[in-house]
Amino acid sequence: MSEGLVLLSTAPTEDEARSLAQALVEAGLAACVNLVPGVRSIYRWKGKLCEDGEVLLVIKSTEARREALIERLGALHSYECPEAIALPIVAGSADYLEWLHTTTGGVL
């Protein structure tokens, strides 16, 4: 069985975040995406210190879908360099993890 993962990303607006989430779930690349509005990001971009409001996407998927998920996210995203940080799921409820793998086309 491929391992589960959580991929973190951000979007500039709730509309874009919702659009990204729907596309990823519809394509079977993510089982679920949580949208967390009200995130404040402080970062350096092209030599400048920046601060922006963003929406955090918490994307649940599998290791088997990771590369395709990151590629599709990048293709759909408005940012030149969208965040895509994958974290392994090291444990979880058996029922949830089974649903996660089944929803993304994984094999248990």
N, C-alpha and C. Protein backbone atom coordinates (compact mmCIF):
# COMPACT_ATOMS: atom_id res chain seq x y z
N MET A 1 0.85 -1.18 0.00
CA MET A 1 0.00 0.00 0.00
C MET A 1 0.89 1.23 0.00
N SER A 2 0.55 2.19 -0.83
CA SER A 2 1.29 3.44 -0.80
C SER A 2 0.93 4.20 0.46
N GLU A 3 1.84 4.99 0.95
CA GLU A 3 1.63 5.75 2.18
C GLU A 3 0.79 6.99 1.92
N GLY A 4 0.06 7.40 2.93
CA GLY A 4 -0.71 8.63 2.84
C GLY A 4 0.19 9.83 3.03
N LEU A 5 -0.25 10.98 2.54
CA LEU A 5 0.50 12.21 2.75
C LEU A 5 -0.43 13.39 2.84
N VAL A 6 0.08 14.44 3.45
CA VAL A 6 -0.59 15.73 3.50
C VAL A 6 0.29 16.70 2.74
N LEU A 7 -0.28 17.38 1.77
CA LEU A 7 0.45 18.37 1.00
C LEU A 7 -0.09 19.74 1.38
N LEU A 8 0.81 20.64 1.73
CA LEU A 8 0.43 22.01 2.09
C LEU A 8 0.70 22.94 0.92
N SER A 9 -0.24 23.83 0.68
CA SER A 9 -0.07 24.86 -0.34
C SER A 9 -0.87 26.08 0.11
N THR A 10 -0.69 27.18 -0.57
CA THR A 10 -1.45 28.39 -0.30
C THR A 10 -1.96 28.96 -1.61
N ALA A 11 -3.01 29.76 -1.51
CA ALA A 11 -3.57 30.45 -2.67
C ALA A 11 -3.89 31.89 -2.25
N PRO A 12 -3.92 32.81 -3.21
CA PRO A 12 -4.14 34.21 -2.86
C PRO A 12 -5.58 34.55 -2.48
N THR A 13 -6.55 33.75 -2.92
CA THR A 13 -7.96 34.05 -2.64
C THR A 13 -8.72 32.76 -2.34
N GLU A 14 -9.87 32.91 -1.69
CA GLU A 14 -10.72 31.75 -1.43
C GLU A 14 -11.26 31.16 -2.73
N ASP A 15 -11.57 32.00 -3.70
CA ASP A 15 -12.07 31.49 -4.98
C ASP A 15 -11.03 30.60 -5.67
N GLU A 16 -9.79 31.05 -5.70
CA GLU A 16 -8.75 30.23 -6.33
C GLU A 16 -8.51 28.96 -5.53
N ALA A 17 -8.48 29.07 -4.21
CA ALA A 17 -8.27 27.89 -3.37
C ALA A 17 -9.38 26.86 -3.62
N ARG A 18 -10.62 27.32 -3.68
CA ARG A 18 -11.76 26.43 -3.93
C ARG A 18 -11.63 25.77 -5.30
N SER A 19 -11.27 26.55 -6.30
CA SER A 19 -11.10 26.02 -7.65
C SER A 19 -10.00 24.96 -7.70
N LEU A 20 -8.88 25.24 -7.05
CA LEU A 20 -7.79 24.26 -7.00
C LEU A 20 -8.25 22.99 -6.29
N ALA A 21 -8.90 23.15 -5.15
CA ALA A 21 -9.35 21.99 -4.38
C ALA A 21 -10.30 21.13 -5.20
N GLN A 22 -11.27 21.75 -5.84
CA GLN A 22 -12.24 21.00 -6.63
C GLN A 22 -11.55 20.25 -7.77
N ALA A 23 -10.63 20.90 -8.46
CA ALA A 23 -9.93 20.26 -9.57
C ALA A 23 -9.11 19.06 -9.10
N LEU A 24 -8.44 19.19 -7.97
CA LEU A 24 -7.60 18.10 -7.47
C LEU A 24 -8.44 16.91 -7.00
N VAL A 25 -9.55 17.19 -6.35
CA VAL A 25 -10.43 16.11 -5.89
C VAL A 25 -11.12 15.45 -7.08
N GLU A 26 -11.63 16.25 -8.01
CA GLU A 26 -12.30 15.70 -9.19
C GLU A 26 -11.37 14.82 -10.01
N ALA A 27 -10.08 15.16 -10.06
CA ALA A 27 -9.11 14.38 -10.83
C ALA A 27 -8.63 13.13 -10.08
N GLY A 28 -9.07 12.95 -8.83
CA GLY A 28 -8.65 11.80 -8.05
C GLY A 28 -7.24 11.92 -7.51
N LEU A 29 -6.68 13.13 -7.56
CA LEU A 29 -5.32 13.35 -7.05
C LEU A 29 -5.32 13.63 -5.55
N ALA A 30 -6.46 14.04 -5.03
CA ALA A 30 -6.63 14.29 -3.60
C ALA A 30 -7.95 13.69 -3.16
N ALA A 31 -7.97 13.16 -1.95
CA ALA A 31 -9.21 12.63 -1.39
C ALA A 31 -10.02 13.76 -0.76
N CYS A 32 -9.32 14.74 -0.20
CA CYS A 32 -9.96 15.83 0.52
C CYS A 32 -9.01 17.01 0.56
N VAL A 33 -9.57 18.21 0.52
CA VAL A 33 -8.76 19.42 0.68
C VAL A 33 -9.49 20.32 1.67
N ASN A 34 -8.82 20.67 2.75
CA ASN A 34 -9.36 21.65 3.69
C ASN A 34 -8.86 23.03 3.29
N LEU A 35 -9.74 24.01 3.33
CA LEU A 35 -9.38 25.39 3.04
C LEU A 35 -9.40 26.17 4.34
N VAL A 36 -8.28 26.79 4.67
CA VAL A 36 -8.14 27.53 5.92
C VAL A 36 -7.90 28.99 5.56
N PRO A 37 -8.96 29.82 5.57
CA PRO A 37 -8.78 31.24 5.23
C PRO A 37 -8.12 32.00 6.37
N GLY A 38 -7.66 33.20 6.06
CA GLY A 38 -7.13 34.09 7.08
C GLY A 38 -5.67 33.86 7.44
N VAL A 39 -4.95 33.13 6.61
CA VAL A 39 -3.53 32.90 6.86
C VAL A 39 -2.76 34.16 6.46
N ARG A 40 -1.81 34.56 7.25
CA ARG A 40 -0.95 35.70 6.95
C ARG A 40 0.44 35.16 6.67
N SER A 41 0.98 35.42 5.51
CA SER A 41 2.30 34.91 5.13
C SER A 41 3.29 36.06 5.01
N ILE A 42 4.43 35.89 5.64
CA ILE A 42 5.54 36.83 5.54
C ILE A 42 6.70 36.06 4.93
N TYR A 43 7.22 36.57 3.82
CA TYR A 43 8.21 35.81 3.06
C TYR A 43 9.08 36.77 2.25
N ARG A 44 10.17 36.24 1.75
CA ARG A 44 11.05 37.00 0.87
C ARG A 44 10.83 36.49 -0.55
N TRP A 45 10.58 37.42 -1.48
CA TRP A 45 10.38 37.04 -2.89
C TRP A 45 11.13 38.03 -3.76
N LYS A 46 12.03 37.50 -4.57
CA LYS A 46 12.83 38.31 -5.49
C LYS A 46 13.50 39.48 -4.77
N GLY A 47 14.06 39.17 -3.59
CA GLY A 47 14.83 40.15 -2.84
C GLY A 47 14.02 41.11 -1.99
N LYS A 48 12.69 41.00 -2.02
CA LYS A 48 11.85 41.91 -1.25
C LYS A 48 11.14 41.15 -0.13
N LEU A 49 10.98 41.83 1.00
CA LEU A 49 10.18 41.28 2.09
C LEU A 49 8.71 41.56 1.78
N CYS A 50 7.89 40.51 1.82
CA CYS A 50 6.48 40.62 1.45
C CYS A 50 5.59 40.11 2.58
N GLU A 51 4.38 40.60 2.63
CA GLU A 51 3.38 40.11 3.56
C GLU A 51 2.03 40.12 2.85
N ASP A 52 1.36 38.96 2.85
CA ASP A 52 0.09 38.83 2.15
C ASP A 52 -0.87 37.95 2.91
N GLY A 53 -2.15 38.20 2.72
CA GLY A 53 -3.18 37.30 3.19
C GLY A 53 -3.33 36.17 2.19
N GLU A 54 -3.48 34.96 2.69
CA GLU A 54 -3.62 33.80 1.82
C GLU A 54 -4.62 32.82 2.42
N VAL A 55 -4.95 31.80 1.64
CA VAL A 55 -5.76 30.68 2.08
C VAL A 55 -4.86 29.45 2.05
N LEU A 56 -4.79 28.74 3.17
CA LEU A 56 -4.00 27.51 3.26
C LEU A 56 -4.82 26.34 2.75
N LEU A 57 -4.23 25.55 1.88
CA LEU A 57 -4.84 24.31 1.41
C LEU A 57 -4.14 23.15 2.12
N VAL A 58 -4.91 22.33 2.81
CA VAL A 58 -4.40 21.12 3.45
C VAL A 58 -4.94 19.96 2.62
N ILE A 59 -4.07 19.40 1.79
CA ILE A 59 -4.47 18.44 0.77
C ILE A 59 -4.09 17.03 1.22
N LYS A 60 -5.09 16.13 1.32
CA LYS A 60 -4.82 14.75 1.72
C LYS A 60 -4.80 13.86 0.49
N SER A 61 -3.71 13.11 0.35
CA SER A 61 -3.52 12.25 -0.81
C SER A 61 -2.64 11.07 -0.43
N THR A 62 -2.01 10.47 -1.43
CA THR A 62 -1.12 9.34 -1.20
C THR A 62 0.22 9.58 -1.88
N GLU A 63 1.22 8.87 -1.41
CA GLU A 63 2.55 8.95 -2.02
C GLU A 63 2.49 8.58 -3.50
N ALA A 64 1.64 7.64 -3.85
CA ALA A 64 1.51 7.22 -5.25
C ALA A 64 1.02 8.36 -6.15
N ARG A 65 0.28 9.31 -5.59
CA ARG A 65 -0.26 10.44 -6.35
C ARG A 65 0.58 11.71 -6.22
N ARG A 66 1.63 11.68 -5.41
CA ARG A 66 2.38 12.89 -5.07
C ARG A 66 2.89 13.65 -6.29
N GLU A 67 3.61 12.99 -7.16
CA GLU A 67 4.20 13.70 -8.31
C GLU A 67 3.13 14.30 -9.21
N ALA A 68 2.09 13.53 -9.52
CA ALA A 68 1.02 14.04 -10.38
C ALA A 68 0.27 15.18 -9.69
N LEU A 69 0.08 15.07 -8.38
CA LEU A 69 -0.59 16.11 -7.61
C LEU A 69 0.19 17.42 -7.66
N ILE A 70 1.48 17.36 -7.40
CA ILE A 70 2.32 18.57 -7.43
C ILE A 70 2.37 19.17 -8.83
N GLU A 71 2.46 18.32 -9.83
CA GLU A 71 2.49 18.81 -11.21
C GLU A 71 1.18 19.52 -11.58
N ARG A 72 0.06 18.91 -11.22
CA ARG A 72 -1.25 19.50 -11.56
C ARG A 72 -1.48 20.79 -10.78
N LEU A 73 -1.11 20.80 -9.51
CA LEU A 73 -1.23 22.00 -8.70
C LEU A 73 -0.45 23.14 -9.34
N GLY A 74 0.78 22.87 -9.76
CA GLY A 74 1.60 23.89 -10.41
C GLY A 74 1.01 24.40 -11.71
N ALA A 75 0.41 23.49 -12.48
CA ALA A 75 -0.18 23.87 -13.76
C ALA A 75 -1.42 24.75 -13.58
N LEU A 76 -2.17 24.53 -12.51
CA LEU A 76 -3.42 25.28 -12.28
C LEU A 76 -3.23 26.57 -11.49
N HIS A 77 -2.16 26.66 -10.76
CA HIS A 77 -1.97 27.74 -9.78
C HIS A 77 -1.58 29.05 -10.45
N SER A 78 -2.00 30.16 -9.86
CA SER A 78 -1.66 31.48 -10.41
C SER A 78 -0.26 31.94 -9.99
N TYR A 79 0.28 31.35 -8.93
CA TYR A 79 1.60 31.77 -8.47
C TYR A 79 2.70 31.24 -9.40
N GLU A 80 3.73 32.03 -9.54
CA GLU A 80 4.90 31.62 -10.33
C GLU A 80 5.60 30.43 -9.67
N CYS A 81 5.60 30.40 -8.35
CA CYS A 81 6.28 29.36 -7.58
C CYS A 81 5.38 28.92 -6.43
N PRO A 82 4.33 28.12 -6.71
CA PRO A 82 3.40 27.75 -5.65
C PRO A 82 4.03 26.82 -4.62
N GLU A 83 3.64 27.02 -3.37
CA GLU A 83 4.08 26.13 -2.29
C GLU A 83 3.51 24.74 -2.52
N ALA A 84 4.35 23.74 -2.34
CA ALA A 84 3.92 22.34 -2.39
C ALA A 84 4.87 21.56 -1.47
N ILE A 85 4.44 21.39 -0.22
CA ILE A 85 5.26 20.71 0.77
C ILE A 85 4.52 19.45 1.20
N ALA A 86 5.11 18.29 0.93
CA ALA A 86 4.48 17.01 1.26
C ALA A 86 5.02 16.48 2.58
N LEU A 87 4.09 16.10 3.46
CA LEU A 87 4.42 15.52 4.75
C LEU A 87 3.80 14.13 4.83
N PRO A 88 4.56 13.14 5.27
CA PRO A 88 4.00 11.79 5.35
C PRO A 88 2.99 11.67 6.49
N ILE A 89 1.97 10.88 6.26
CA ILE A 89 1.05 10.51 7.34
C ILE A 89 1.65 9.27 7.98
N VAL A 90 2.08 9.38 9.21
CA VAL A 90 2.75 8.24 9.87
C VAL A 90 1.77 7.34 10.60
N ALA A 91 0.58 7.86 10.89
CA ALA A 91 -0.44 7.05 11.55
C ALA A 91 -1.79 7.73 11.37
N GLY A 92 -2.85 6.95 11.50
CA GLY A 92 -4.20 7.48 11.41
C GLY A 92 -5.19 6.36 11.61
N SER A 93 -6.47 6.72 11.66
CA SER A 93 -7.47 5.67 11.83
C SER A 93 -7.49 4.79 10.58
N ALA A 94 -7.66 3.51 10.79
CA ALA A 94 -7.65 2.55 9.68
C ALA A 94 -8.75 2.87 8.68
N ASP A 95 -9.94 3.22 9.18
CA ASP A 95 -11.05 3.52 8.27
C ASP A 95 -10.75 4.75 7.40
N TYR A 96 -10.18 5.80 8.01
CA TYR A 96 -9.86 7.01 7.26
C TYR A 96 -8.79 6.72 6.21
N LEU A 97 -7.75 6.02 6.59
CA LEU A 97 -6.66 5.73 5.65
C LEU A 97 -7.15 4.83 4.51
N GLU A 98 -8.05 3.91 4.81
CA GLU A 98 -8.63 3.07 3.75
C GLU A 98 -9.42 3.95 2.78
N TRP A 99 -10.23 4.87 3.32
CA TRP A 99 -10.99 5.79 2.47
C TRP A 99 -10.05 6.65 1.63
N LEU A 100 -8.99 7.15 2.24
CA LEU A 100 -8.02 7.98 1.53
C LEU A 100 -7.45 7.24 0.32
N HIS A 101 -7.02 5.99 0.53
CA HIS A 101 -6.44 5.21 -0.56
C HIS A 101 -7.47 4.84 -1.62
N THR A 102 -8.66 4.47 -1.19
CA THR A 102 -9.71 4.09 -2.13
C THR A 102 -10.12 5.28 -2.98
N THR A 103 -10.25 6.45 -2.36
CA THR A 103 -10.71 7.65 -3.07
C THR A 103 -9.71 8.13 -4.11
N THR A 104 -8.43 7.91 -3.86
CA THR A 104 -7.41 8.34 -4.81
C THR A 104 -6.97 7.20 -5.74
N GLY A 105 -7.72 6.13 -5.75
CA GLY A 105 -7.44 5.03 -6.68
C GLY A 105 -6.33 4.13 -6.21
N GLY A 106 -5.96 4.22 -4.94
CA GLY A 106 -4.88 3.38 -4.41
C GLY A 106 -5.36 1.97 -4.11
N VAL A 107 -4.41 1.11 -3.93
CA VAL A 107 -4.69 -0.27 -3.60
C VAL A 107 -4.22 -0.53 -2.19
N LEU A 108 -5.07 -1.14 -1.38
CA LEU A 108 -4.68 -1.47 -0.01
C LEU A 108 -3.89 -2.76 0.02
